[in-house]
Amino acid sequence: MTDTMPALKKPVTAVILPEAGSSIAGRVFRATRVWLVLAAVVAVWELIVRAFDVPKYLFPAPSAIVAELRAKPDLYLGATWTTTVEAFAGFAAAVAIGVVFAVLISRSALFEEMIYPFLNIIRVTPTVAIAPLLTIWLGRGMLPVVVASFLIAFFPIIVQTSLGLKSVDRGLIDLMRISNANELQILSKIQVPNALPYLFSSFRVAAPGAVVGALLGGFLGASSGLGYLITVASGQLNTAAVFLLAALSCVLGIVIFNVCVFAEKRLVKWHPAVQL
């Protein structure tokens, strides 16, 4: 009699291959590869400038930029600190006011209809065109720079946060209301946690934008800071100083961006996008 039962297959055991390059050398390379590429670019830059004898005022070598920093460290580090304070002040004001406006927009369609045209006007108007007016109205100093930083950082925060507050499952809100929850409890227990990933996503755009706003304000309405020194150095054809100040501005923007990423990973670590 022929056996009609299907033959049992041998169970398959999943095999997880070891991660490629999991050795100590591989991990060190992955951790330092960006810096290695940057070092290689700087080395090639130095060699090209020296080989072709490029004038310093036209395109300085990295060694000339480092020499500029070593000649006047207090000046450049002090300017960096000033711009850092201005950028953080503008960013903090944008967060505080942007979140309040986002809550009002999520709670009132009438408020959203009334405020969005003015927000769009602020968004599409170049900050470089407003900065001279800020200087006229507020004088020279830190205040117009902080306002310029605020204007750039404000819009992405209010847009993303209001989107997060409004994109809550309506079933959850109805369930809270059936449970006799008031509007403040709905906001704090449902809407705010849902909006946190959107809020920190806006920080990734707004925080570097706050640095850009501080630099723009410094170009036209300040007596200190990185933007002010860039204006002075360019007028003196001190190209090495301009390169140095641009590099310091870049480092400042990267630092503020990574501070926001660090805070996001600590405060919104439950979100799937943060866990990647």
C-alpha atoms as a PDB file:
ATOM      1  CA  MET A   1       0.000   0.000   0.000  1.00  0.00           C
ATOM      2  CA  THR A   2       1.424   3.320  -1.045  1.00  0.00           C
ATOM      3  CA  ASP A   3       1.837   5.883   1.694  1.00  0.00           C
ATOM      4  CA  THR A   4      -0.170   8.946   0.691  1.00  0.00           C
ATOM      5  CA  MET A   5       0.868  11.019   3.663  1.00  0.00           C
ATOM      6  CA  PRO A   6       3.291  13.842   2.775  1.00  0.00           C
ATOM      7  CA  ALA A   7       6.789  13.363   4.083  1.00  0.00           C
ATOM      8  CA  LEU A   8       7.663  15.479   7.048  1.00  0.00           C
ATOM      9  CA  LYS A   9      10.241  18.088   6.220  1.00  0.00           C
ATOM     10  CA  LYS A  10      13.226  18.672   8.398  1.00  0.00           C
ATOM     11  CA  PRO A  11      12.724  21.852  10.457  1.00  0.00           C
ATOM     12  CA  VAL A  12      14.705  24.812   9.231  1.00  0.00           C
ATOM     13  CA  THR A  13      16.894  26.561  11.750  1.00  0.00           C
ATOM     14  CA  ALA A  14      17.352  30.267  11.254  1.00  0.00           C
ATOM     15  CA  VAL A  15      20.960  31.281  11.052  1.00  0.00           C
ATOM     16  CA  ILE A  16      21.893  34.859  11.891  1.00  0.00           C
ATOM     17  CA  LEU A  17      25.149  35.729  10.257  1.00  0.00           C
ATOM     18  CA  PRO A  18      27.576  37.814  12.272  1.00  0.00           C
ATOM     19  CA  GLU A  19      27.600  41.481  11.362  1.00  0.00           C
ATOM     20  CA  ALA A  20      30.176  42.300   8.754  1.00  0.00           C
ATOM     21  CA  GLY A  21      33.063  44.253  10.102  1.00  0.00           C
ATOM     22  CA  SER A  22      32.165  43.546  13.761  1.00  0.00           C
ATOM     23  CA  SER A  23      35.811  43.429  14.748  1.00  0.00           C
ATOM     24  CA  ILE A  24      37.360  46.187  16.822  1.00  0.00           C
ATOM     25  CA  ALA A  25      39.043  47.634  13.741  1.00  0.00           C
ATOM     26  CA  GLY A  26      35.734  47.668  11.860  1.00  0.00           C
ATOM     27  CA  ARG A  27      33.921  49.438  14.690  1.00  0.00           C
ATOM     28  CA  VAL A  28      36.697  52.016  14.997  1.00  0.00           C
ATOM     29  CA  PHE A  29      36.553  52.668  11.254  1.00  0.00           C
ATOM     30  CA  ARG A  30      32.782  53.145  11.292  1.00  0.00           C
ATOM     31  CA  ALA A  31      33.087  55.561  14.211  1.00  0.00           C
ATOM     32  CA  THR A  32      35.843  57.632  12.611  1.00  0.00           C
ATOM     33  CA  ARG A  33      35.222  57.382   8.867  1.00  0.00           C
ATOM     34  CA  VAL A  34      33.583  60.795   8.637  1.00  0.00           C
ATOM     35  CA  TRP A  35      36.542  62.388  10.401  1.00  0.00           C
ATOM     36  CA  LEU A  36      38.966  60.480   8.186  1.00  0.00           C
ATOM     37  CA  VAL A  37      37.261  61.824   5.066  1.00  0.00           C
ATOM     38  CA  LEU A  38      37.294  65.339   6.534  1.00  0.00           C
ATOM     39  CA  ALA A  39      41.004  65.029   7.349  1.00  0.00           C
ATOM     40  CA  ALA A  40      41.710  63.842   3.823  1.00  0.00           C
ATOM     41  CA  VAL A  41      39.815  66.796   2.330  1.00  0.00           C
ATOM     42  CA  VAL A  42      41.738  69.250   4.525  1.00  0.00           C
ATOM     43  CA  ALA A  43      45.054  67.632   3.568  1.00  0.00           C
ATOM     44  CA  VAL A  44      44.269  67.825  -0.158  1.00  0.00           C
ATOM     45  CA  TRP A  45      43.131  71.428   0.291  1.00  0.00           C
ATOM     46  CA  GLU A  46      46.435  72.324   1.968  1.00  0.00           C
ATOM     47  CA  LEU A  47      48.499  70.595  -0.729  1.00  0.00           C
ATOM     48  CA  ILE A  48      46.649  72.265  -3.607  1.00  0.00           C
ATOM     49  CA  VAL A  49      47.003  75.757  -2.111  1.00  0.00           C
ATOM     50  CA  ARG A  50      50.714  75.234  -1.483  1.00  0.00           C
ATOM     51  CA  ALA A  51      51.391  73.578  -4.835  1.00  0.00           C
ATOM     52  CA  PHE A  52      49.737  76.303  -6.900  1.00  0.00           C
ATOM     53  CA  ASP A  53      50.814  79.135  -4.578  1.00  0.00           C
ATOM     54  CA  VAL A  54      47.254  80.474  -4.287  1.00  0.00           C
ATOM     55  CA  PRO A  55      47.200  83.977  -2.732  1.00  0.00           C
ATOM     56  CA  LYS A  56      46.022  84.006   0.878  1.00  0.00           C
ATOM     57  CA  TYR A  57      43.439  86.738   0.246  1.00  0.00           C
ATOM     58  CA  LEU A  58      41.886  84.612  -2.501  1.00  0.00           C
ATOM     59  CA  PHE A  59      41.795  81.133  -0.964  1.00  0.00           C
ATOM     60  CA  PRO A  60      43.688  80.556   2.292  1.00  0.00           C
ATOM     61  CA  ALA A  61      45.169  77.226   3.290  1.00  0.00           C
ATOM     62  CA  PRO A  62      43.799  75.423   6.369  1.00  0.00           C
ATOM     63  CA  SER A  63      47.064  76.215   8.167  1.00  0.00           C
ATOM     64  CA  ALA A  64      46.434  79.950   7.616  1.00  0.00           C
ATOM     65  CA  ILE A  65      42.932  79.593   9.059  1.00  0.00           C
ATOM     66  CA  VAL A  66      44.265  77.806  12.142  1.00  0.00           C
ATOM     67  CA  ALA A  67      46.953  80.489  12.493  1.00  0.00           C
ATOM     68  CA  GLU A  68      44.222  83.158  12.436  1.00  0.00           C
ATOM     69  CA  LEU A  69      42.431  81.420  15.299  1.00  0.00           C
ATOM     70  CA  ARG A  70      45.646  81.041  17.298  1.00  0.00           C
ATOM     71  CA  ALA A  71      46.485  84.717  16.810  1.00  0.00           C
ATOM     72  CA  LYS A  72      43.171  85.991  18.284  1.00  0.00           C
ATOM     73  CA  PRO A  73      41.417  83.157  20.136  1.00  0.00           C
ATOM     74  CA  ASP A  74      39.611  85.416  22.618  1.00  0.00           C
ATOM     75  CA  LEU A  75      38.061  87.476  19.831  1.00  0.00           C
ATOM     76  CA  TYR A  76      36.704  84.517  17.877  1.00  0.00           C
ATOM     77  CA  LEU A  77      35.605  82.400  20.836  1.00  0.00           C
ATOM     78  CA  GLY A  78      33.919  85.421  22.396  1.00  0.00           C
ATOM     79  CA  ALA A  79      32.051  86.099  19.160  1.00  0.00           C
ATOM     80  CA  THR A  80      31.014  82.444  18.994  1.00  0.00           C
ATOM     81  CA  TRP A  81      29.632  82.631  22.526  1.00  0.00           C
ATOM     82  CA  THR A  82      27.708  85.812  21.706  1.00  0.00           C
ATOM     83  CA  THR A  83      26.096  84.233  18.641  1.00  0.00           C
ATOM     84  CA  THR A  84      25.345  81.074  20.643  1.00  0.00           C
ATOM     85  CA  VAL A  85      23.442  83.088  23.252  1.00  0.00           C
ATOM     86  CA  GLU A  86      21.554  85.013  20.554  1.00  0.00           C
ATOM     87  CA  ALA A  87      20.639  81.857  18.625  1.00  0.00           C
ATOM     88  CA  PHE A  88      19.473  80.008  21.749  1.00  0.00           C
ATOM     89  CA  ALA A  89      17.436  83.032  22.867  1.00  0.00           C
ATOM     90  CA  GLY A  90      15.729  83.305  19.475  1.00  0.00           C
ATOM     91  CA  PHE A  91      15.137  79.552  19.366  1.00  0.00           C
ATOM     92  CA  ALA A  92      13.705  79.468  22.905  1.00  0.00           C
ATOM     93  CA  ALA A  93      11.343  82.342  22.095  1.00  0.00           C
ATOM     94  CA  ALA A  94      10.266  80.552  18.901  1.00  0.00           C
ATOM     95  CA  VAL A  95       9.537  77.360  20.854  1.00  0.00           C
ATOM     96  CA  ALA A  96       7.544  79.135  23.583  1.00  0.00           C
ATOM     97  CA  ILE A  97       5.456  81.322  21.277  1.00  0.00           C
ATOM     98  CA  GLY A  98       5.191  78.698  18.533  1.00  0.00           C
ATOM     99  CA  VAL A  99       3.789  76.050  20.885  1.00  0.00           C
ATOM    100  CA  VAL A 100       1.215  78.477  22.304  1.00  0.00           C
ATOM    101  CA  PHE A 101       0.110  79.482  18.807  1.00  0.00           C
ATOM    102  CA  ALA A 102      -0.009  75.828  17.719  1.00  0.00           C
ATOM    103  CA  VAL A 103      -2.304  74.955  20.617  1.00  0.00           C
ATOM    104  CA  LEU A 104      -4.603  77.853  19.748  1.00  0.00           C
ATOM    105  CA  ILE A 105      -4.641  76.809  16.083  1.00  0.00           C
ATOM    106  CA  SER A 106      -5.492  73.213  16.996  1.00  0.00           C
ATOM    107  CA  ARG A 107      -8.338  74.359  19.245  1.00  0.00           C
ATOM    108  CA  SER A 108      -9.866  77.079  17.077  1.00  0.00           C
ATOM    109  CA  ALA A 109     -10.446  76.997  13.330  1.00  0.00           C
ATOM    110  CA  LEU A 110     -11.284  80.712  13.449  1.00  0.00           C
ATOM    111  CA  PHE A 111      -7.928  81.548  15.031  1.00  0.00           C
ATOM    112  CA  GLU A 112      -6.153  79.441  12.410  1.00  0.00           C
ATOM    113  CA  GLU A 113      -7.997  81.219   9.597  1.00  0.00           C
ATOM    114  CA  MET A 114      -7.082  84.626  11.016  1.00  0.00           C
ATOM    115  CA  ILE A 115      -3.430  83.986  11.891  1.00  0.00           C
ATOM    116  CA  TYR A 116      -2.153  81.920   8.947  1.00  0.00           C
ATOM    117  CA  PRO A 117      -2.070  84.786   6.389  1.00  0.00           C
ATOM    118  CA  PHE A 118       0.214  86.755   8.709  1.00  0.00           C
ATOM    119  CA  LEU A 119       2.381  83.696   9.337  1.00  0.00           C
ATOM    120  CA  ASN A 120       2.780  83.210   5.597  1.00  0.00           C
ATOM    121  CA  ILE A 121       3.786  86.853   5.206  1.00  0.00           C
ATOM    122  CA  ILE A 122       6.484  86.366   7.841  1.00  0.00           C
ATOM    123  CA  ARG A 123       7.593  83.150   6.155  1.00  0.00           C
ATOM    124  CA  VAL A 124       7.957  84.488   2.618  1.00  0.00           C
ATOM    125  CA  THR A 125       9.516  87.819   3.573  1.00  0.00           C
ATOM    126  CA  PRO A 126      13.332  87.476   3.494  1.00  0.00           C
ATOM    127  CA  THR A 127      14.872  88.068   6.901  1.00  0.00           C
ATOM    128  CA  VAL A 128      17.708  89.970   5.250  1.00  0.00           C
ATOM    129  CA  ALA A 129      15.099  92.524   4.140  1.00  0.00           C
ATOM    130  CA  ILE A 130      13.624  92.837   7.628  1.00  0.00           C
ATOM    131  CA  ALA A 131      16.946  93.070   9.487  1.00  0.00           C
ATOM    132  CA  PRO A 132      17.577  96.758   8.608  1.00  0.00           C
ATOM    133  CA  LEU A 133      14.106  97.617   9.902  1.00  0.00           C
ATOM    134  CA  LEU A 134      14.811  95.750  13.125  1.00  0.00           C
ATOM    135  CA  THR A 135      17.959  97.832  13.540  1.00  0.00           C
ATOM    136  CA  ILE A 136      15.988 101.053  13.012  1.00  0.00           C
ATOM    137  CA  TRP A 137      13.226 100.030  15.408  1.00  0.00           C
ATOM    138  CA  LEU A 138      15.257  98.248  18.092  1.00  0.00           C
ATOM    139  CA  GLY A 139      18.697  99.807  17.736  1.00  0.00           C
ATOM    140  CA  ARG A 140      22.025  98.035  17.465  1.00  0.00           C
ATOM    141  CA  GLY A 141      22.774  95.239  19.876  1.00  0.00           C
ATOM    142  CA  MET A 142      21.511  91.813  20.835  1.00  0.00           C
ATOM    143  CA  LEU A 143      17.739  92.389  20.637  1.00  0.00           C
ATOM    144  CA  PRO A 144      17.382  92.783  16.824  1.00  0.00           C
ATOM    145  CA  VAL A 145      19.627  89.733  16.336  1.00  0.00           C
ATOM    146  CA  VAL A 146      17.453  87.634  18.657  1.00  0.00           C
ATOM    147  CA  VAL A 147      14.324  88.789  16.812  1.00  0.00           C
ATOM    148  CA  ALA A 148      15.861  87.865  13.446  1.00  0.00           C
ATOM    149  CA  SER A 149      16.739  84.430  14.838  1.00  0.00           C
ATOM    150  CA  PHE A 150      13.192  84.058  16.174  1.00  0.00           C
ATOM    151  CA  LEU A 151      11.596  84.923  12.825  1.00  0.00           C
ATOM    152  CA  ILE A 152      13.403  82.097  11.015  1.00  0.00           C
ATOM    153  CA  ALA A 153      12.841  79.476  13.727  1.00  0.00           C
ATOM    154  CA  PHE A 154       9.207  80.325  14.473  1.00  0.00           C
ATOM    155  CA  PHE A 155       7.392  79.100  11.363  1.00  0.00           C
ATOM    156  CA  PRO A 156       8.468  75.403  11.226  1.00  0.00           C
ATOM    157  CA  ILE A 157       7.716  74.991  14.933  1.00  0.00           C
ATOM    158  CA  ILE A 158       4.178  76.325  14.726  1.00  0.00           C
ATOM    159  CA  VAL A 159       3.356  74.385  11.536  1.00  0.00           C
ATOM    160  CA  GLN A 160       4.679  71.011  12.692  1.00  0.00           C
ATOM    161  CA  THR A 161       3.357  71.284  16.242  1.00  0.00           C
ATOM    162  CA  SER A 162      -0.143  72.270  15.151  1.00  0.00           C
ATOM    163  CA  LEU A 163      -0.111  69.351  12.702  1.00  0.00           C
ATOM    164  CA  GLY A 164       0.822  66.968  15.518  1.00  0.00           C
ATOM    165  CA  LEU A 165      -1.872  68.332  17.808  1.00  0.00           C
ATOM    166  CA  LYS A 166      -4.543  67.970  15.117  1.00  0.00           C
ATOM    167  CA  SER A 167      -3.522  64.523  13.823  1.00  0.00           C
ATOM    168  CA  VAL A 168      -4.874  62.637  16.838  1.00  0.00           C
ATOM    169  CA  ASP A 169      -7.223  59.719  16.371  1.00  0.00           C
ATOM    170  CA  ARG A 170     -10.699  61.153  16.881  1.00  0.00           C
ATOM    171  CA  GLY A 171     -11.758  57.912  18.556  1.00  0.00           C
ATOM    172  CA  LEU A 172      -9.325  58.551  21.404  1.00  0.00           C
ATOM    173  CA  ILE A 173     -10.687  62.049  21.924  1.00  0.00           C
ATOM    174  CA  ASP A 174     -14.293  60.760  21.882  1.00  0.00           C
ATOM    175  CA  LEU A 175     -13.324  58.062  24.392  1.00  0.00           C
ATOM    176  CA  MET A 176     -11.797  60.668  26.699  1.00  0.00           C
ATOM    177  CA  ARG A 177     -14.944  62.792  26.489  1.00  0.00           C
ATOM    178  CA  ILE A 178     -17.138  59.779  27.243  1.00  0.00           C
ATOM    179  CA  SER A 179     -14.942  59.282  30.319  1.00  0.00           C
ATOM    180  CA  ASN A 180     -15.786  62.866  31.388  1.00  0.00           C
ATOM    181  CA  ALA A 181     -12.314  64.212  30.657  1.00  0.00           C
ATOM    182  CA  ASN A 182     -12.072  67.966  30.274  1.00  0.00           C
ATOM    183  CA  GLU A 183     -10.329  69.766  27.410  1.00  0.00           C
ATOM    184  CA  LEU A 184      -7.126  70.312  29.409  1.00  0.00           C
ATOM    185  CA  GLN A 185      -6.868  66.582  30.139  1.00  0.00           C
ATOM    186  CA  ILE A 186      -7.431  65.754  26.469  1.00  0.00           C
ATOM    187  CA  LEU A 187      -4.709  68.193  25.520  1.00  0.00           C
ATOM    188  CA  SER A 188      -2.164  66.962  28.091  1.00  0.00           C
ATOM    189  CA  LYS A 189      -2.887  63.229  27.907  1.00  0.00           C
ATOM    190  CA  ILE A 190      -3.600  62.728  24.202  1.00  0.00           C
ATOM    191  CA  GLN A 191      -2.678  65.659  21.989  1.00  0.00           C
ATOM    192  CA  VAL A 192       0.634  66.756  23.516  1.00  0.00           C
ATOM    193  CA  PRO A 193       2.206  63.251  23.549  1.00  0.00           C
ATOM    194  CA  ASN A 194       1.067  62.790  19.947  1.00  0.00           C
ATOM    195  CA  ALA A 195       2.602  66.141  18.968  1.00  0.00           C
ATOM    196  CA  LEU A 196       6.022  65.558  20.581  1.00  0.00           C
ATOM    197  CA  PRO A 197       7.551  63.739  17.561  1.00  0.00           C
ATOM    198  CA  TYR A 198       6.308  66.550  15.302  1.00  0.00           C
ATOM    199  CA  LEU A 199       7.703  69.157  17.704  1.00  0.00           C
ATOM    200  CA  PHE A 200      11.170  67.614  17.786  1.00  0.00           C
ATOM    201  CA  SER A 201      11.057  67.150  14.024  1.00  0.00           C
ATOM    202  CA  SER A 202      10.525  70.893  13.724  1.00  0.00           C
ATOM    203  CA  PHE A 203      13.507  71.468  16.027  1.00  0.00           C
ATOM    204  CA  ARG A 204      15.776  69.822  13.441  1.00  0.00           C
ATOM    205  CA  VAL A 205      14.849  72.609  11.018  1.00  0.00           C
ATOM    206  CA  ALA A 206      14.327  75.488  13.418  1.00  0.00           C
ATOM    207  CA  ALA A 207      17.499  75.144  15.521  1.00  0.00           C
ATOM    208  CA  PRO A 208      20.001  75.548  12.641  1.00  0.00           C
ATOM    209  CA  GLY A 209      17.677  78.214  11.233  1.00  0.00           C
ATOM    210  CA  ALA A 210      18.031  80.129  14.494  1.00  0.00           C
ATOM    211  CA  VAL A 211      21.807  80.216  13.935  1.00  0.00           C
ATOM    212  CA  VAL A 212      21.263  81.502  10.394  1.00  0.00           C
ATOM    213  CA  GLY A 213      18.943  84.212  11.730  1.00  0.00           C
ATOM    214  CA  ALA A 214      21.517  85.241  14.333  1.00  0.00           C
ATOM    215  CA  LEU A 215      24.163  85.515  11.616  1.00  0.00           C
ATOM    216  CA  LEU A 216      21.882  87.572   9.371  1.00  0.00           C
ATOM    217  CA  GLY A 217      21.018  89.868  12.236  1.00  0.00           C
ATOM    218  CA  GLY A 218      24.699  90.183  13.019  1.00  0.00           C
ATOM    219  CA  PHE A 219      25.482  91.231   9.452  1.00  0.00           C
ATOM    220  CA  LEU A 220      23.277  94.296   9.627  1.00  0.00           C
ATOM    221  CA  GLY A 221      22.392  95.204  13.185  1.00  0.00           C
ATOM    222  CA  ALA A 222      25.006  94.075  15.698  1.00  0.00           C
ATOM    223  CA  SER A 223      28.255  95.251  17.161  1.00  0.00           C
ATOM    224  CA  SER A 224      29.532  91.793  18.153  1.00  0.00           C
ATOM    225  CA  GLY A 225      29.105  88.145  17.257  1.00  0.00           C
ATOM    226  CA  LEU A 226      30.083  85.999  14.294  1.00  0.00           C
ATOM    227  CA  GLY A 227      27.946  87.868  11.757  1.00  0.00           C
ATOM    228  CA  TYR A 228      29.443  91.202  12.746  1.00  0.00           C
ATOM    229  CA  LEU A 229      33.005  89.849  12.509  1.00  0.00           C
ATOM    230  CA  ILE A 230      32.280  88.336   9.087  1.00  0.00           C
ATOM    231  CA  THR A 231      31.241  91.789   7.874  1.00  0.00           C
ATOM    232  CA  VAL A 232      34.395  93.372   9.302  1.00  0.00           C
ATOM    233  CA  ALA A 233      36.725  90.650   7.988  1.00  0.00           C
ATOM    234  CA  SER A 234      35.256  90.721   4.484  1.00  0.00           C
ATOM    235  CA  GLY A 235      35.672  94.501   4.373  1.00  0.00           C
ATOM    236  CA  GLN A 236      39.328  94.049   5.269  1.00  0.00           C
ATOM    237  CA  LEU A 237      39.801  91.242   2.689  1.00  0.00           C
ATOM    238  CA  ASN A 238      40.831  88.957   5.559  1.00  0.00           C
ATOM    239  CA  THR A 239      39.726  85.791   3.813  1.00  0.00           C
ATOM    240  CA  ALA A 240      41.280  83.494   6.403  1.00  0.00           C
ATOM    241  CA  ALA A 241      39.139  85.129   9.096  1.00  0.00           C
ATOM    242  CA  VAL A 242      36.023  84.792   6.927  1.00  0.00           C
ATOM    243  CA  PHE A 243      36.711  81.071   6.434  1.00  0.00           C
ATOM    244  CA  LEU A 244      37.324  80.665  10.164  1.00  0.00           C
ATOM    245  CA  LEU A 245      34.118  82.464  11.102  1.00  0.00           C
ATOM    246  CA  ALA A 246      32.144  80.415   8.573  1.00  0.00           C
ATOM    247  CA  ALA A 247      33.594  77.228  10.081  1.00  0.00           C
ATOM    248  CA  LEU A 248      32.691  78.356  13.610  1.00  0.00           C
ATOM    249  CA  SER A 249      29.147  79.135  12.439  1.00  0.00           C
ATOM    250  CA  CYS A 250      28.914  75.684  10.899  1.00  0.00           C
ATOM    251  CA  VAL A 251      30.121  74.018  14.096  1.00  0.00           C
ATOM    252  CA  LEU A 252      27.618  76.016  16.132  1.00  0.00           C
ATOM    253  CA  GLY A 253      24.740  74.933  13.891  1.00  0.00           C
ATOM    254  CA  ILE A 254      25.820  71.273  14.078  1.00  0.00           C
ATOM    255  CA  VAL A 255      26.085  71.430  17.871  1.00  0.00           C
ATOM    256  CA  ILE A 256      22.614  72.928  18.293  1.00  0.00           C
ATOM    257  CA  PHE A 257      21.161  70.386  15.855  1.00  0.00           C
ATOM    258  CA  ASN A 258      22.712  67.472  17.759  1.00  0.00           C
ATOM    259  CA  VAL A 259      21.503  68.860  21.088  1.00  0.00           C
ATOM    260  CA  CYS A 260      17.965  68.675  19.672  1.00  0.00           C
ATOM    261  CA  VAL A 261      18.555  65.121  18.409  1.00  0.00           C
ATOM    262  CA  PHE A 262      19.910  64.088  21.822  1.00  0.00           C
ATOM    263  CA  ALA A 263      16.870  65.549  23.583  1.00  0.00           C
ATOM    264  CA  GLU A 264      14.554  63.827  21.115  1.00  0.00           C
ATOM    265  CA  LYS A 265      16.143  60.425  21.764  1.00  0.00           C
ATOM    266  CA  ARG A 266      15.723  60.914  25.510  1.00  0.00           C
ATOM    267  CA  LEU A 267      12.196  62.353  25.569  1.00  0.00           C
ATOM    268  CA  VAL A 268      10.537  60.619  22.591  1.00  0.00           C
ATOM    269  CA  LYS A 269      12.402  57.301  22.667  1.00  0.00           C
ATOM    270  CA  TRP A 270       9.082  55.420  22.487  1.00  0.00           C
ATOM    271  CA  HIS A 271       8.441  56.659  18.921  1.00  0.00           C
ATOM    272  CA  PRO A 272       9.373  54.141  16.170  1.00  0.00           C
ATOM    273  CA  ALA A 273      11.176  56.741  14.055  1.00  0.00           C
ATOM    274  CA  VAL A 274      13.464  57.622  16.987  1.00  0.00           C
ATOM    275  CA  GLN A 275      14.256  53.963  17.663  1.00  0.00           C
ATOM    276  CA  LEU A 276      15.741  53.444  14.184  1.00  0.00           C
END
